[in-house]
PDB file of N, CA and C in Angstrom:
ATOM      1  N   MET A   1      -6.184  43.810 -28.111  1.00  0.00           N
ATOM      2  CA  MET A   1      -5.800  42.506 -28.569  1.00  0.00           C
ATOM      3  C   MET A   1      -6.428  41.450 -27.669  1.00  0.00           C
ATOM      4  N   VAL A   2      -7.160  40.540 -28.255  1.00  0.00           N
ATOM      5  CA  VAL A   2      -7.872  39.501 -27.514  1.00  0.00           C
ATOM      6  C   VAL A   2      -7.056  38.203 -27.570  1.00  0.00           C
ATOM      7  N   PRO A   3      -6.765  37.597 -26.392  1.00  0.00           N
ATOM      8  CA  PRO A   3      -6.003  36.343 -26.421  1.00  0.00           C
ATOM      9  C   PRO A   3      -6.842  35.213 -27.023  1.00  0.00           C
ATOM     10  N   GLU A   4      -6.154  34.306 -27.654  1.00  0.00           N
ATOM     11  CA  GLU A   4      -6.857  33.164 -28.244  1.00  0.00           C
ATOM     12  C   GLU A   4      -7.330  32.236 -27.126  1.00  0.00           C
ATOM     13  N   PRO A   5      -8.491  31.654 -27.299  1.00  0.00           N
ATOM     14  CA  PRO A   5      -8.977  30.730 -26.268  1.00  0.00           C
ATOM     15  C   PRO A   5      -8.087  29.484 -26.199  1.00  0.00           C
ATOM     16  N   ILE A   6      -7.940  28.985 -24.995  1.00  0.00           N
ATOM     17  CA  ILE A   6      -7.140  27.770 -24.797  1.00  0.00           C
ATOM     18  C   ILE A   6      -7.939  26.584 -25.319  1.00  0.00           C
ATOM     19  N   GLN A   7      -7.301  25.833 -26.168  1.00  0.00           N
ATOM     20  CA  GLN A   7      -7.981  24.666 -26.728  1.00  0.00           C
ATOM     21  C   GLN A   7      -7.610  23.435 -25.909  1.00  0.00           C
ATOM     22  N   LYS A   8      -8.592  22.684 -25.545  1.00  0.00           N
ATOM     23  CA  LYS A   8      -8.366  21.443 -24.815  1.00  0.00           C
ATOM     24  C   LYS A   8      -8.133  20.330 -25.815  1.00  0.00           C
ATOM     25  N   PHE A   9      -7.214  19.444 -25.445  1.00  0.00           N
ATOM     26  CA  PHE A   9      -6.958  18.290 -26.296  1.00  0.00           C
ATOM     27  C   PHE A   9      -8.049  17.268 -26.032  1.00  0.00           C
ATOM     28  N   SER A  10      -8.670  16.838 -27.081  1.00  0.00           N
ATOM     29  CA  SER A  10      -9.683  15.799 -26.922  1.00  0.00           C
ATOM     30  C   SER A  10      -9.510  14.768 -28.020  1.00  0.00           C
ATOM     31  N   MET A  11      -9.617  13.527 -27.622  1.00  0.00           N
ATOM     32  CA  MET A  11      -9.514  12.440 -28.589  1.00  0.00           C
ATOM     33  C   MET A  11     -10.890  12.193 -29.179  1.00  0.00           C
ATOM     34  N   PRO A  12     -10.934  11.779 -30.411  1.00  0.00           N
ATOM     35  CA  PRO A  12     -12.226  11.408 -30.982  1.00  0.00           C
ATOM     36  C   PRO A  12     -12.824  10.234 -30.198  1.00  0.00           C
ATOM     37  N   ARG A  13     -14.125  10.188 -30.102  1.00  0.00           N
ATOM     38  CA  ARG A  13     -14.790   9.147 -29.318  1.00  0.00           C
ATOM     39  C   ARG A  13     -14.406   7.724 -29.708  1.00  0.00           C
ATOM     40  N   PRO A  14     -14.295   7.388 -30.987  1.00  0.00           N
ATOM     41  CA  PRO A  14     -13.892   6.016 -31.319  1.00  0.00           C
ATOM     42  C   PRO A  14     -12.513   5.658 -30.760  1.00  0.00           C
ATOM     43  N   ALA A  15     -11.594   6.610 -30.746  1.00  0.00           N
ATOM     44  CA  ALA A  15     -10.260   6.344 -30.203  1.00  0.00           C
ATOM     45  C   ALA A  15     -10.329   6.116 -28.693  1.00  0.00           C
ATOM     46  N   VAL A  16     -11.143   6.902 -28.013  1.00  0.00           N
ATOM     47  CA  VAL A  16     -11.311   6.729 -26.565  1.00  0.00           C
ATOM     48  C   VAL A  16     -11.908   5.360 -26.276  1.00  0.00           C
ATOM     49  N   ARG A  17     -12.904   4.980 -27.038  1.00  0.00           N
ATOM     50  CA  ARG A  17     -13.536   3.669 -26.835  1.00  0.00           C
ATOM     51  C   ARG A  17     -12.537   2.544 -27.057  1.00  0.00           C
ATOM     52  N   ARG A  18     -11.684   2.682 -28.074  1.00  0.00           N
ATOM     53  CA  ARG A  18     -10.675   1.647 -28.330  1.00  0.00           C
ATOM     54  C   ARG A  18      -9.709   1.533 -27.155  1.00  0.00           C
ATOM     55  N   TRP A  19      -9.257   2.670 -26.634  1.00  0.00           N
ATOM     56  CA  TRP A  19      -8.335   2.645 -25.499  1.00  0.00           C
ATOM     57  C   TRP A  19      -8.985   2.022 -24.265  1.00  0.00           C
ATOM     58  N   VAL A  20     -10.213   2.359 -24.008  1.00  0.00           N
ATOM     59  CA  VAL A  20     -10.924   1.777 -22.868  1.00  0.00           C
ATOM     60  C   VAL A  20     -11.066   0.276 -23.057  1.00  0.00           C
ATOM     61  N   ALA A  21     -11.405  -0.155 -24.261  1.00  0.00           N
ATOM     62  CA  ALA A  21     -11.539  -1.586 -24.538  1.00  0.00           C
ATOM     63  C   ALA A  21     -10.207  -2.305 -24.355  1.00  0.00           C
ATOM     64  N   VAL A  22      -9.130  -1.716 -24.844  1.00  0.00           N
ATOM     65  CA  VAL A  22      -7.801  -2.331 -24.694  1.00  0.00           C
ATOM     66  C   VAL A  22      -7.430  -2.446 -23.221  1.00  0.00           C
ATOM     67  N   LEU A  23      -7.673  -1.399 -22.440  1.00  0.00           N
ATOM     68  CA  LEU A  23      -7.351  -1.440 -21.014  1.00  0.00           C
ATOM     69  C   LEU A  23      -8.187  -2.474 -20.270  1.00  0.00           C
ATOM     70  N   LEU A  24      -9.464  -2.573 -20.593  1.00  0.00           N
ATOM     71  CA  LEU A  24     -10.316  -3.571 -19.943  1.00  0.00           C
ATOM     72  C   LEU A  24      -9.870  -4.987 -20.285  1.00  0.00           C
ATOM     73  N   ILE A  25      -9.569  -5.233 -21.541  1.00  0.00           N
ATOM     74  CA  ILE A  25      -9.123  -6.565 -21.949  1.00  0.00           C
ATOM     75  C   ILE A  25      -7.799  -6.908 -21.269  1.00  0.00           C
ATOM     76  N   ALA A  26      -6.878  -5.962 -21.212  1.00  0.00           N
ATOM     77  CA  ALA A  26      -5.594  -6.204 -20.549  1.00  0.00           C
ATOM     78  C   ALA A  26      -5.790  -6.501 -19.067  1.00  0.00           C
ATOM     79  N   THR A  27      -6.704  -5.794 -18.431  1.00  0.00           N
ATOM     80  CA  THR A  27      -6.981  -6.035 -17.017  1.00  0.00           C
ATOM     81  C   THR A  27      -7.531  -7.433 -16.795  1.00  0.00           C
ATOM     82  N   VAL A  28      -8.456  -7.849 -17.623  1.00  0.00           N
ATOM     83  CA  VAL A  28      -9.053  -9.180 -17.485  1.00  0.00           C
ATOM     84  C   VAL A  28      -8.014 -10.264 -17.737  1.00  0.00           C
ATOM     85  N   ILE A  29      -7.178 -10.072 -18.740  1.00  0.00           N
ATOM     86  CA  ILE A  29      -6.179 -11.086 -19.074  1.00  0.00           C
ATOM     87  C   ILE A  29      -5.087 -11.167 -18.006  1.00  0.00           C
ATOM     88  N   LEU A  30      -4.649 -10.033 -17.496  1.00  0.00           N
ATOM     89  CA  LEU A  30      -3.533 -10.017 -16.561  1.00  0.00           C
ATOM     90  C   LEU A  30      -3.921 -10.233 -15.104  1.00  0.00           C
ATOM     91  N   SER A  31      -5.179 -10.100 -14.739  1.00  0.00           N
ATOM     92  CA  SER A  31      -5.557 -10.204 -13.329  1.00  0.00           C
ATOM     93  C   SER A  31      -5.216 -11.558 -12.712  1.00  0.00           C
ATOM     94  N   PRO A  32      -5.444 -12.710 -13.364  1.00  0.00           N
ATOM     95  CA  PRO A  32      -5.025 -13.969 -12.740  1.00  0.00           C
ATOM     96  C   PRO A  32      -3.512 -14.079 -12.611  1.00  0.00           C
ATOM     97  N   VAL A  33      -2.783 -13.533 -13.551  1.00  0.00           N
ATOM     98  CA  VAL A  33      -1.325 -13.593 -13.503  1.00  0.00           C
ATOM     99  C   VAL A  33      -0.802 -12.744 -12.359  1.00  0.00           C
ATOM    100  N   LEU A  34      -1.360 -11.560 -12.192  1.00  0.00           N
ATOM    101  CA  LEU A  34      -0.909 -10.660 -11.145  1.00  0.00           C
ATOM    102  C   LEU A  34      -1.347 -11.114  -9.759  1.00  0.00           C
ATOM    103  N   ALA A  35      -2.463 -11.838  -9.683  1.00  0.00           N
ATOM    104  CA  ALA A  35      -2.958 -12.285  -8.386  1.00  0.00           C
ATOM    105  C   ALA A  35      -1.991 -13.271  -7.755  1.00  0.00           C
ATOM    106  N   GLY A  36      -1.461 -14.204  -8.535  1.00  0.00           N
ATOM    107  CA  GLY A  36      -0.492 -15.159  -8.018  1.00  0.00           C
ATOM    108  C   GLY A  36      -1.116 -16.100  -7.009  1.00  0.00           C
ATOM    109  N   ALA A  37      -0.275 -16.901  -6.407  1.00  0.00           N
ATOM    110  CA  ALA A  37      -0.731 -17.868  -5.418  1.00  0.00           C
ATOM    111  C   ALA A  37      -0.901 -17.178  -4.068  1.00  0.00           C
ATOM    112  N   ALA A  38      -1.762 -17.763  -3.241  1.00  0.00           N
ATOM    113  CA  ALA A  38      -1.989 -17.213  -1.909  1.00  0.00           C
ATOM    114  C   ALA A  38      -0.727 -17.385  -1.063  1.00  0.00           C
ATOM    115  N   GLU A  39      -0.461 -16.399  -0.227  1.00  0.00           N
ATOM    116  CA  GLU A  39       0.697 -16.456   0.667  1.00  0.00           C
ATOM    117  C   GLU A  39       0.351 -17.318   1.874  1.00  0.00           C
ATOM    118  N   ASN A  40       1.223 -18.262   2.211  1.00  0.00           N
ATOM    119  CA  ASN A  40       1.009 -19.130   3.362  1.00  0.00           C
ATOM    120  C   ASN A  40       1.396 -18.394   4.639  1.00  0.00           C
ATOM    121  N   VAL A  41       0.485 -18.408   5.620  1.00  0.00           N
ATOM    122  CA  VAL A  41       0.707 -17.740   6.900  1.00  0.00           C
ATOM    123  C   VAL A  41       0.367 -18.719   8.011  1.00  0.00           C
ATOM    124  N   ARG A  42       1.261 -18.819   8.997  1.00  0.00           N
ATOM    125  CA  ARG A  42       0.998 -19.643  10.181  1.00  0.00           C
ATOM    126  C   ARG A  42       0.744 -18.701  11.350  1.00  0.00           C
ATOM    127  N   LEU A  43      -0.466 -18.773  11.902  1.00  0.00           N
ATOM    128  CA  LEU A  43      -0.847 -17.926  13.032  1.00  0.00           C
ATOM    129  C   LEU A  43      -0.698 -18.757  14.303  1.00  0.00           C
ATOM    130  N   GLN A  44       0.321 -18.462  15.086  1.00  0.00           N
ATOM    131  CA  GLN A  44       0.602 -19.191  16.321  1.00  0.00           C
ATOM    132  C   GLN A  44      -0.133 -18.512  17.471  1.00  0.00           C
ATOM    133  N   LEU A  45      -1.092 -19.221  18.061  1.00  0.00           N
ATOM    134  CA  LEU A  45      -1.837 -18.675  19.193  1.00  0.00           C
ATOM    135  C   LEU A  45      -0.970 -18.686  20.440  1.00  0.00           C
ATOM    136  N   LYS A  46      -1.282 -17.817  21.390  1.00  0.00           N
ATOM    137  CA  LYS A  46      -0.507 -17.786  22.628  1.00  0.00           C
ATOM    138  C   LYS A  46      -1.067 -18.746  23.678  1.00  0.00           C
ATOM    139  N   TRP A  47      -2.157 -19.434  23.333  1.00  0.00           N
ATOM    140  CA  TRP A  47      -2.781 -20.365  24.260  1.00  0.00           C
ATOM    141  C   TRP A  47      -3.515 -21.417  23.441  1.00  0.00           C
ATOM    142  N   GLN A  48      -4.143 -22.375  24.126  1.00  0.00           N
ATOM    143  CA  GLN A  48      -4.932 -23.392  23.442  1.00  0.00           C
ATOM    144  C   GLN A  48      -6.162 -22.745  22.798  1.00  0.00           C
ATOM    145  N   HIS A  49      -6.818 -23.500  21.913  1.00  0.00           N
ATOM    146  CA  HIS A  49      -8.034 -22.990  21.266  1.00  0.00           C
ATOM    147  C   HIS A  49      -9.044 -22.601  22.343  1.00  0.00           C
ATOM    148  N   GLN A  50      -9.522 -21.367  22.305  1.00  0.00           N
ATOM    149  CA  GLN A  50     -10.562 -20.927  23.216  1.00  0.00           C
ATOM    150  C   GLN A  50     -11.257 -19.705  22.642  1.00  0.00           C
ATOM    151  N   PHE A  51     -12.251 -19.227  23.359  1.00  0.00           N
ATOM    152  CA  PHE A  51     -13.131 -18.186  22.842  1.00  0.00           C
ATOM    153  C   PHE A  51     -12.408 -16.890  22.488  1.00  0.00           C
ATOM    154  N   GLN A  52     -11.336 -16.557  23.169  1.00  0.00           N
ATOM    155  CA  GLN A  52     -10.666 -15.282  22.882  1.00  0.00           C
ATOM    156  C   GLN A  52     -10.098 -15.223  21.467  1.00  0.00           C
ATOM    157  N   PHE A  53      -9.968 -16.370  20.813  1.00  0.00           N
ATOM    158  CA  PHE A  53      -9.460 -16.420  19.439  1.00  0.00           C
ATOM    159  C   PHE A  53     -10.578 -16.634  18.421  1.00  0.00           C
ATOM    160  N   ALA A  54     -11.818 -16.479  18.852  1.00  0.00           N
ATOM    161  CA  ALA A  54     -12.967 -16.740  17.969  1.00  0.00           C
ATOM    162  C   ALA A  54     -12.936 -15.874  16.714  1.00  0.00           C
ATOM    163  N   GLY A  55     -12.449 -14.659  16.818  1.00  0.00           N
ATOM    164  CA  GLY A  55     -12.383 -13.772  15.655  1.00  0.00           C
ATOM    165  C   GLY A  55     -11.497 -14.327  14.556  1.00  0.00           C
ATOM    166  N   TYR A  56     -10.386 -14.948  14.946  1.00  0.00           N
ATOM    167  CA  TYR A  56      -9.487 -15.554  13.953  1.00  0.00           C
ATOM    168  C   TYR A  56     -10.192 -16.685  13.212  1.00  0.00           C
ATOM    169  N   TYR A  57     -10.896 -17.525  13.988  1.00  0.00           N
ATOM    170  CA  TYR A  57     -11.577 -18.670  13.375  1.00  0.00           C
ATOM    171  C   TYR A  57     -12.766 -18.223  12.526  1.00  0.00           C
ATOM    172  N   ALA A  58     -13.473 -17.196  12.980  1.00  0.00           N
ATOM    173  CA  ALA A  58     -14.600 -16.680  12.199  1.00  0.00           C
ATOM    174  C   ALA A  58     -14.108 -16.114  10.866  1.00  0.00           C
ATOM    175  N   ALA A  59     -13.008 -15.378  10.900  1.00  0.00           N
ATOM    176  CA  ALA A  59     -12.449 -14.829   9.660  1.00  0.00           C
ATOM    177  C   ALA A  59     -12.008 -15.941   8.722  1.00  0.00           C
ATOM    178  N   LEU A  60     -11.459 -17.015   9.291  1.00  0.00           N
ATOM    179  CA  LEU A  60     -11.042 -18.158   8.474  1.00  0.00           C
ATOM    180  C   LEU A  60     -12.245 -18.824   7.824  1.00  0.00           C
ATOM    181  N   GLU A  61     -13.305 -19.045   8.601  1.00  0.00           N
ATOM    182  CA  GLU A  61     -14.508 -19.704   8.081  1.00  0.00           C
ATOM    183  C   GLU A  61     -15.241 -18.846   7.052  1.00  0.00           C
ATOM    184  N   LYS A  62     -15.258 -17.548   7.256  1.00  0.00           N
ATOM    185  CA  LYS A  62     -15.963 -16.661   6.320  1.00  0.00           C
ATOM    186  C   LYS A  62     -15.139 -16.347   5.071  1.00  0.00           C
ATOM    187  N   GLY A  63     -13.885 -16.776   5.044  1.00  0.00           N
ATOM    188  CA  GLY A  63     -13.058 -16.595   3.856  1.00  0.00           C
ATOM    189  C   GLY A  63     -12.387 -15.237   3.750  1.00  0.00           C
ATOM    190  N   TYR A  64     -12.320 -14.491   4.851  1.00  0.00           N
ATOM    191  CA  TYR A  64     -11.696 -13.169   4.804  1.00  0.00           C
ATOM    192  C   TYR A  64     -10.206 -13.262   4.488  1.00  0.00           C
ATOM    193  N   TYR A  65      -9.535 -14.243   5.078  1.00  0.00           N
ATOM    194  CA  TYR A  65      -8.108 -14.408   4.800  1.00  0.00           C
ATOM    195  C   TYR A  65      -7.893 -14.777   3.332  1.00  0.00           C
ATOM    196  N   ARG A  66      -8.702 -15.678   2.825  1.00  0.00           N
ATOM    197  CA  ARG A  66      -8.592 -16.109   1.427  1.00  0.00           C
ATOM    198  C   ARG A  66      -8.815 -14.931   0.486  1.00  0.00           C
ATOM    199  N   ASP A  67      -9.818 -14.096   0.799  1.00  0.00           N
ATOM    200  CA  ASP A  67     -10.099 -12.923  -0.032  1.00  0.00           C
ATOM    201  C   ASP A  67      -8.926 -11.942  -0.039  1.00  0.00           C
ATOM    202  N   ALA A  68      -8.150 -11.945   1.038  1.00  0.00           N
ATOM    203  CA  ALA A  68      -6.987 -11.059   1.129  1.00  0.00           C
ATOM    204  C   ALA A  68      -5.735 -11.702   0.532  1.00  0.00           C
ATOM    205  N   GLY A  69      -5.885 -12.907  -0.023  1.00  0.00           N
ATOM    206  CA  GLY A  69      -4.747 -13.582  -0.642  1.00  0.00           C
ATOM    207  C   GLY A  69      -3.869 -14.324   0.339  1.00  0.00           C
ATOM    208  N   LEU A  70      -4.445 -14.743   1.461  1.00  0.00           N
ATOM    209  CA  LEU A  70      -3.680 -15.452   2.484  1.00  0.00           C
ATOM    210  C   LEU A  70      -4.222 -16.855   2.690  1.00  0.00           C
ATOM    211  N   ASN A  71      -3.329 -17.805   2.838  1.00  0.00           N
ATOM    212  CA  ASN A  71      -3.685 -19.172   3.197  1.00  0.00           C
ATOM    213  C   ASN A  71      -3.248 -19.346   4.650  1.00  0.00           C
ATOM    214  N   VAL A  72      -4.179 -19.180   5.594  1.00  0.00           N
ATOM    215  CA  VAL A  72      -3.855 -19.119   7.015  1.00  0.00           C
ATOM    216  C   VAL A  72      -4.033 -20.479   7.670  1.00  0.00           C
ATOM    217  N   ASP A  73      -3.038 -20.852   8.476  1.00  0.00           N
ATOM    218  CA  ASP A  73      -3.082 -22.066   9.285  1.00  0.00           C
ATOM    219  C   ASP A  73      -2.980 -21.619  10.740  1.00  0.00           C
ATOM    220  N   ILE A  74      -4.037 -21.868  11.539  1.00  0.00           N
ATOM    221  CA  ILE A  74      -4.066 -21.436  12.936  1.00  0.00           C
ATOM    222  C   ILE A  74      -3.545 -22.568  13.802  1.00  0.00           C
ATOM    223  N   LEU A  75      -2.480 -22.286  14.558  1.00  0.00           N
ATOM    224  CA  LEU A  75      -1.830 -23.295  15.386  1.00  0.00           C
ATOM    225  C   LEU A  75      -2.002 -22.955  16.858  1.00  0.00           C
ATOM    226  N   PRO A  76      -2.484 -23.913  17.677  1.00  0.00           N
ATOM    227  CA  PRO A  76      -2.588 -23.655  19.113  1.00  0.00           C
ATOM    228  C   PRO A  76      -1.206 -23.730  19.759  1.00  0.00           C
ATOM    229  N   ALA A  77      -1.081 -23.098  20.918  1.00  0.00           N
ATOM    230  CA  ALA A  77       0.181 -23.158  21.653  1.00  0.00           C
ATOM    231  C   ALA A  77       0.368 -24.558  22.218  1.00  0.00           C
ATOM    232  N   GLN A  78       1.592 -24.977  22.298  1.00  0.00           N
ATOM    233  CA  GLN A  78       1.946 -26.264  22.890  1.00  0.00           C
ATOM    234  C   GLN A  78       2.561 -26.002  24.262  1.00  0.00           C
ATOM    235  N   PRO A  79       2.475 -26.973  25.170  1.00  0.00           N
ATOM    236  CA  PRO A  79       3.087 -26.776  26.487  1.00  0.00           C
ATOM    237  C   PRO A  79       4.584 -26.464  26.355  1.00  0.00           C
ATOM    238  N   CYS A  80       5.051 -25.553  27.157  1.00  0.00           N
ATOM    239  CA  CYS A  80       6.465 -25.152  27.194  1.00  0.00           C
ATOM    240  C   CYS A  80       6.952 -24.609  25.855  1.00  0.00           C
ATOM    241  N   GLN A  81       6.077 -23.965  25.101  1.00  0.00           N
ATOM    242  CA  GLN A  81       6.455 -23.409  23.803  1.00  0.00           C
ATOM    243  C   GLN A  81       6.394 -21.895  23.878  1.00  0.00           C
ATOM    244  N   ASP A  82       7.414 -21.243  23.386  1.00  0.00           N
ATOM    245  CA  ASP A  82       7.422 -19.785  23.314  1.00  0.00           C
ATOM    246  C   ASP A  82       6.683 -19.380  22.048  1.00  0.00           C
ATOM    247  N   SER A  83       5.610 -18.611  22.183  1.00  0.00           N
ATOM    248  CA  SER A  83       4.803 -18.248  21.018  1.00  0.00           C
ATOM    249  C   SER A  83       5.413 -17.120  20.200  1.00  0.00           C
ATOM    250  N   MET A  84       6.486 -16.538  20.638  1.00  0.00           N
ATOM    251  CA  MET A  84       7.141 -15.469  19.885  1.00  0.00           C
ATOM    252  C   MET A  84       8.044 -16.061  18.898  1.00  0.00           C
TER     253      MET A  84
END
């Protein structure tokens, strides 16, 4: 007795194309809604503006924070201020 071969479920190509088209259209339509507004972040430095914080400023200028969905405001330390 020979077992029957296992049949794989396959959708006809037009149906697959329709599903792919529907998913792509839904992604395009919903992406601005899902992205939402950028989150506001205040980065409090532990000292006045100086070279050790150059990476923060470079990331701000190059738009890395914006690309990550963050609206970053870099604040220098004030005299007698606890940065924590």
